[in-house]
Amino acid sequence: MKEILIETGSCLVAAMLLMIWHEVIRLIVYACCQRSVHCFRTTPWKVWRYIDPIGLILSLTSCVPISKPYFYRVRDPITNRRLGVAGLVSLLMVFAGSILVLRFGYGGVKGLDHLVIHHWWQSIAPIFVQYLAMLSFGMFVANLFPVSTFDMGLLIAGTSPTGYLGMLKVDGTVKLIFVLVLLFDLIHYGASRLILLLL
């Protein structure tokens, strides 16, 4: 029972931190691009608003957390592109950092060694870092889907307004494909195979 609670708690905490990290990085980029005092009002900085309950359920079931985005009013295509790139790069940074920690054993964490540790409290850090790797990769792949609120949607909006309108027309189809990918657990399977390959 302790192991299940540790796994569930580690997954939920890692998912919440990833959701906040992803949206705060985009918020910082937005504030730097706008260069005005209005960007620093208090509403976007209430970070608990980025934690999505459905995203937490998805992180437990399919290792794909989805954060609640802050809806920016951006008319500048360059800012849209920067927001999309910042979101994807922030997730890749977390994935690369957690893989490095697991691979080279920084901070007492060494690969999948938590399976042979005798005390349950010593396994929290390795499990947490493994979930950071799995969830950050899952969130990265999910944000590659061309949905208007995801990072790829921001990249398309920044690249071509007609492409963005075309993306909005097929939004229901893309969301259906995304749900099928989640149901068949393809992202989780790919993430786990990639992590085992890198370790």
Protein backbone atom coordinates (compact mmCIF):
# COMPACT_ATOMS: atom_id res chain seq x y z
CA MET A 1 0.00 0.00 0.00
CA LYS A 2 2.89 2.39 0.78
CA GLU A 3 4.35 1.82 -2.67
CA ILE A 4 1.06 2.68 -4.37
CA LEU A 5 0.72 5.86 -2.31
CA ILE A 6 4.32 6.87 -3.09
CA GLU A 7 3.81 6.28 -6.82
CA THR A 8 0.50 8.15 -6.90
CA GLY A 9 1.79 11.05 -4.82
CA SER A 10 4.99 11.34 -6.86
CA CYS A 11 3.02 11.31 -10.10
CA LEU A 12 0.57 13.99 -8.92
CA VAL A 13 3.27 16.29 -7.51
CA ALA A 14 5.40 15.93 -10.64
CA ALA A 15 2.36 16.65 -12.84
CA MET A 16 1.42 19.75 -10.85
CA LEU A 17 4.97 21.10 -10.97
CA LEU A 18 5.16 20.48 -14.72
CA MET A 19 1.86 22.25 -15.35
CA ILE A 20 2.99 25.28 -13.37
CA TRP A 21 6.49 25.26 -14.93
CA HIS A 22 5.12 25.08 -18.48
CA GLU A 23 2.67 27.94 -18.05
CA VAL A 24 4.99 30.18 -15.99
CA ILE A 25 7.73 29.94 -18.63
CA ARG A 26 5.21 30.96 -21.29
CA LEU A 27 3.99 33.77 -19.04
CA ILE A 28 7.53 35.10 -18.57
CA VAL A 29 8.11 35.05 -22.33
CA TYR A 30 4.80 36.84 -22.87
CA ALA A 31 5.67 39.49 -20.29
CA CYS A 32 9.09 40.06 -21.88
CA CYS A 33 7.57 40.33 -25.37
CA GLN A 34 4.87 42.80 -24.33
CA ARG A 35 7.16 45.07 -22.27
CA SER A 36 4.32 46.74 -20.47
CA VAL A 37 3.15 47.04 -16.89
CA HIS A 38 -0.23 45.44 -17.70
CA CYS A 39 1.46 42.05 -18.20
CA PHE A 40 2.53 41.96 -14.58
CA ARG A 41 -0.91 42.22 -13.05
CA THR A 42 -1.67 39.64 -10.40
CA THR A 43 -4.13 37.39 -12.26
CA PRO A 44 -1.67 35.40 -14.44
CA TRP A 45 0.76 34.89 -11.56
CA LYS A 46 -1.73 32.88 -9.49
CA VAL A 47 -0.03 29.65 -10.47
CA TRP A 48 -2.51 27.25 -8.89
CA ARG A 49 -4.92 28.17 -11.70
CA TYR A 50 -2.74 26.27 -14.16
CA ILE A 51 -3.34 22.94 -12.40
CA ASP A 52 -6.06 21.14 -14.33
CA PRO A 53 -7.96 18.33 -12.54
CA ILE A 54 -8.52 16.51 -15.84
CA GLY A 55 -4.81 16.89 -16.56
CA LEU A 56 -4.07 15.26 -13.20
CA ILE A 57 -6.36 12.34 -14.05
CA LEU A 58 -4.67 12.00 -17.45
CA SER A 59 -1.26 12.04 -15.77
CA LEU A 60 -2.29 9.12 -13.56
CA THR A 61 -3.91 7.10 -16.32
CA SER A 62 -1.77 7.82 -19.38
CA CYS A 63 1.23 9.91 -18.20
CA VAL A 64 0.08 12.92 -20.23
CA PRO A 65 -0.60 15.97 -18.04
CA ILE A 66 -2.44 18.85 -19.67
CA SER A 67 -2.28 22.25 -17.99
CA LYS A 68 -4.96 24.92 -17.97
CA PRO A 69 -3.50 27.62 -20.21
CA TYR A 70 -3.69 31.32 -19.54
CA PHE A 71 -5.45 32.78 -22.55
CA TYR A 72 -3.30 35.50 -24.01
CA ARG A 73 -4.64 38.18 -26.31
CA VAL A 74 -1.81 38.11 -28.77
CA ARG A 75 -2.09 39.65 -32.20
CA ASP A 76 1.62 39.62 -32.89
CA PRO A 77 2.70 36.47 -34.79
CA ILE A 78 6.25 36.69 -33.42
CA THR A 79 4.96 36.56 -29.84
CA ASN A 80 2.79 33.56 -30.72
CA ARG A 81 5.80 31.74 -32.12
CA ARG A 82 7.90 32.61 -29.08
CA LEU A 83 5.20 31.34 -26.73
CA GLY A 84 4.92 28.05 -28.62
CA VAL A 85 8.67 27.52 -28.74
CA ALA A 86 9.08 28.48 -25.07
CA GLY A 87 6.49 25.92 -24.00
CA LEU A 88 8.07 23.10 -25.98
CA VAL A 89 11.63 23.99 -24.93
CA SER A 90 10.64 24.18 -21.26
CA LEU A 91 9.29 20.62 -21.42
CA LEU A 92 12.38 19.36 -23.25
CA MET A 93 14.58 20.96 -20.58
CA VAL A 94 12.77 19.08 -17.81
CA PHE A 95 12.95 15.83 -19.79
CA ALA A 96 16.68 16.20 -20.51
CA GLY A 97 17.44 17.20 -16.92
CA SER A 98 15.58 14.27 -15.44
CA ILE A 99 17.22 11.83 -17.87
CA LEU A 100 20.65 13.21 -16.91
CA VAL A 101 19.81 12.80 -13.21
CA LEU A 102 18.67 9.22 -13.78
CA ARG A 103 21.57 8.35 -16.08
CA PHE A 104 24.45 9.79 -14.09
CA GLY A 105 23.06 9.59 -10.59
CA TYR A 106 23.09 13.20 -9.41
CA GLY A 107 21.70 13.84 -5.95
CA GLY A 108 21.70 10.21 -4.90
CA VAL A 109 19.35 9.15 -7.71
CA LYS A 110 20.70 6.37 -9.89
CA GLY A 111 18.59 4.97 -12.69
CA LEU A 112 16.04 2.40 -11.68
CA ASP A 113 17.78 1.48 -8.41
CA HIS A 114 14.72 2.35 -6.32
CA LEU A 115 13.51 -1.18 -7.00
CA VAL A 116 16.19 -2.67 -4.73
CA ILE A 117 16.12 -0.09 -1.92
CA HIS A 118 15.07 -1.57 1.40
CA HIS A 119 13.35 1.45 2.95
CA TRP A 120 10.33 3.01 1.26
CA TRP A 121 11.31 6.63 1.97
CA GLN A 122 14.57 6.21 0.04
CA SER A 123 12.63 5.45 -3.13
CA ILE A 124 10.72 8.77 -3.29
CA ALA A 125 13.40 10.78 -5.14
CA PRO A 126 14.07 8.21 -7.91
CA ILE A 127 10.36 7.63 -8.48
CA PHE A 128 9.72 11.39 -8.59
CA VAL A 129 12.50 11.95 -11.14
CA GLN A 130 11.22 9.05 -13.27
CA TYR A 131 7.76 10.57 -13.27
CA LEU A 132 9.23 13.95 -14.21
CA ALA A 133 10.85 12.30 -17.23
CA MET A 134 7.72 10.37 -18.24
CA LEU A 135 5.30 13.24 -17.74
CA SER A 136 7.47 15.90 -19.38
CA PHE A 137 7.87 13.74 -22.48
CA GLY A 138 4.14 12.98 -22.51
CA MET A 139 3.28 16.66 -22.18
CA PHE A 140 5.77 17.53 -24.92
CA VAL A 141 4.19 15.04 -27.34
CA ALA A 142 0.69 16.20 -26.42
CA ASN A 143 1.66 19.81 -27.16
CA LEU A 144 2.76 18.75 -30.65
CA PHE A 145 -0.88 18.14 -31.57
CA PRO A 146 -2.29 21.10 -33.54
CA VAL A 147 -4.90 22.20 -31.00
CA SER A 148 -5.44 25.94 -30.57
CA THR A 149 -4.46 26.06 -26.88
CA PHE A 150 -1.41 23.80 -27.23
CA ASP A 151 2.07 24.98 -28.15
CA MET A 152 1.78 23.74 -31.73
CA GLY A 153 -1.39 25.80 -32.11
CA LEU A 154 0.54 28.90 -31.03
CA LEU A 155 3.31 28.07 -33.50
CA ILE A 156 0.79 27.70 -36.32
CA ALA A 157 -0.92 30.96 -35.30
CA GLY A 158 2.45 32.69 -35.39
CA THR A 159 3.42 31.24 -38.73
CA SER A 160 0.29 31.56 -40.84
CA PRO A 161 -3.14 33.03 -40.02
CA THR A 162 -4.75 30.97 -42.79
CA GLY A 163 -3.13 27.84 -41.39
CA TYR A 164 -4.55 28.72 -37.99
CA LEU A 165 -8.05 29.08 -39.45
CA GLY A 166 -7.62 25.72 -41.18
CA MET A 167 -6.52 24.21 -37.89
CA LEU A 168 -9.64 25.56 -36.18
CA LYS A 169 -11.82 23.96 -38.86
CA VAL A 170 -10.43 20.49 -38.17
CA ASP A 171 -10.15 21.02 -34.40
CA GLY A 172 -12.74 18.36 -33.58
CA THR A 173 -10.99 15.74 -35.71
CA VAL A 174 -7.60 16.49 -34.15
CA LYS A 175 -9.07 16.26 -30.65
CA LEU A 176 -10.67 12.91 -31.54
CA ILE A 177 -7.30 11.60 -32.75
CA PHE A 178 -5.70 12.91 -29.55
CA VAL A 179 -8.27 11.08 -27.40
CA LEU A 180 -7.70 7.86 -29.37
CA VAL A 181 -3.94 8.18 -28.87
CA LEU A 182 -4.56 8.59 -25.14
CA LEU A 183 -6.96 5.63 -25.04
CA PHE A 184 -4.49 3.34 -26.77
CA ASP A 185 -1.76 4.62 -24.40
CA LEU A 186 0.64 5.28 -27.27
CA ILE A 187 2.35 8.29 -25.70
CA HIS A 188 3.01 6.47 -22.43
CA TYR A 189 4.35 3.43 -24.27
CA GLY A 190 6.66 5.56 -26.42
CA ALA A 191 7.89 7.54 -23.42
CA SER A 192 8.69 4.45 -21.39
CA ARG A 193 10.56 2.83 -24.31
CA LEU A 194 12.54 6.02 -24.94
CA ILE A 195 13.51 6.39 -21.28
CA LEU A 196 14.66 2.77 -21.10
CA LEU A 197 16.66 3.31 -24.28
CA LEU A 198 18.33 6.44 -22.89
CA LEU A 199 19.17 4.80 -19.57
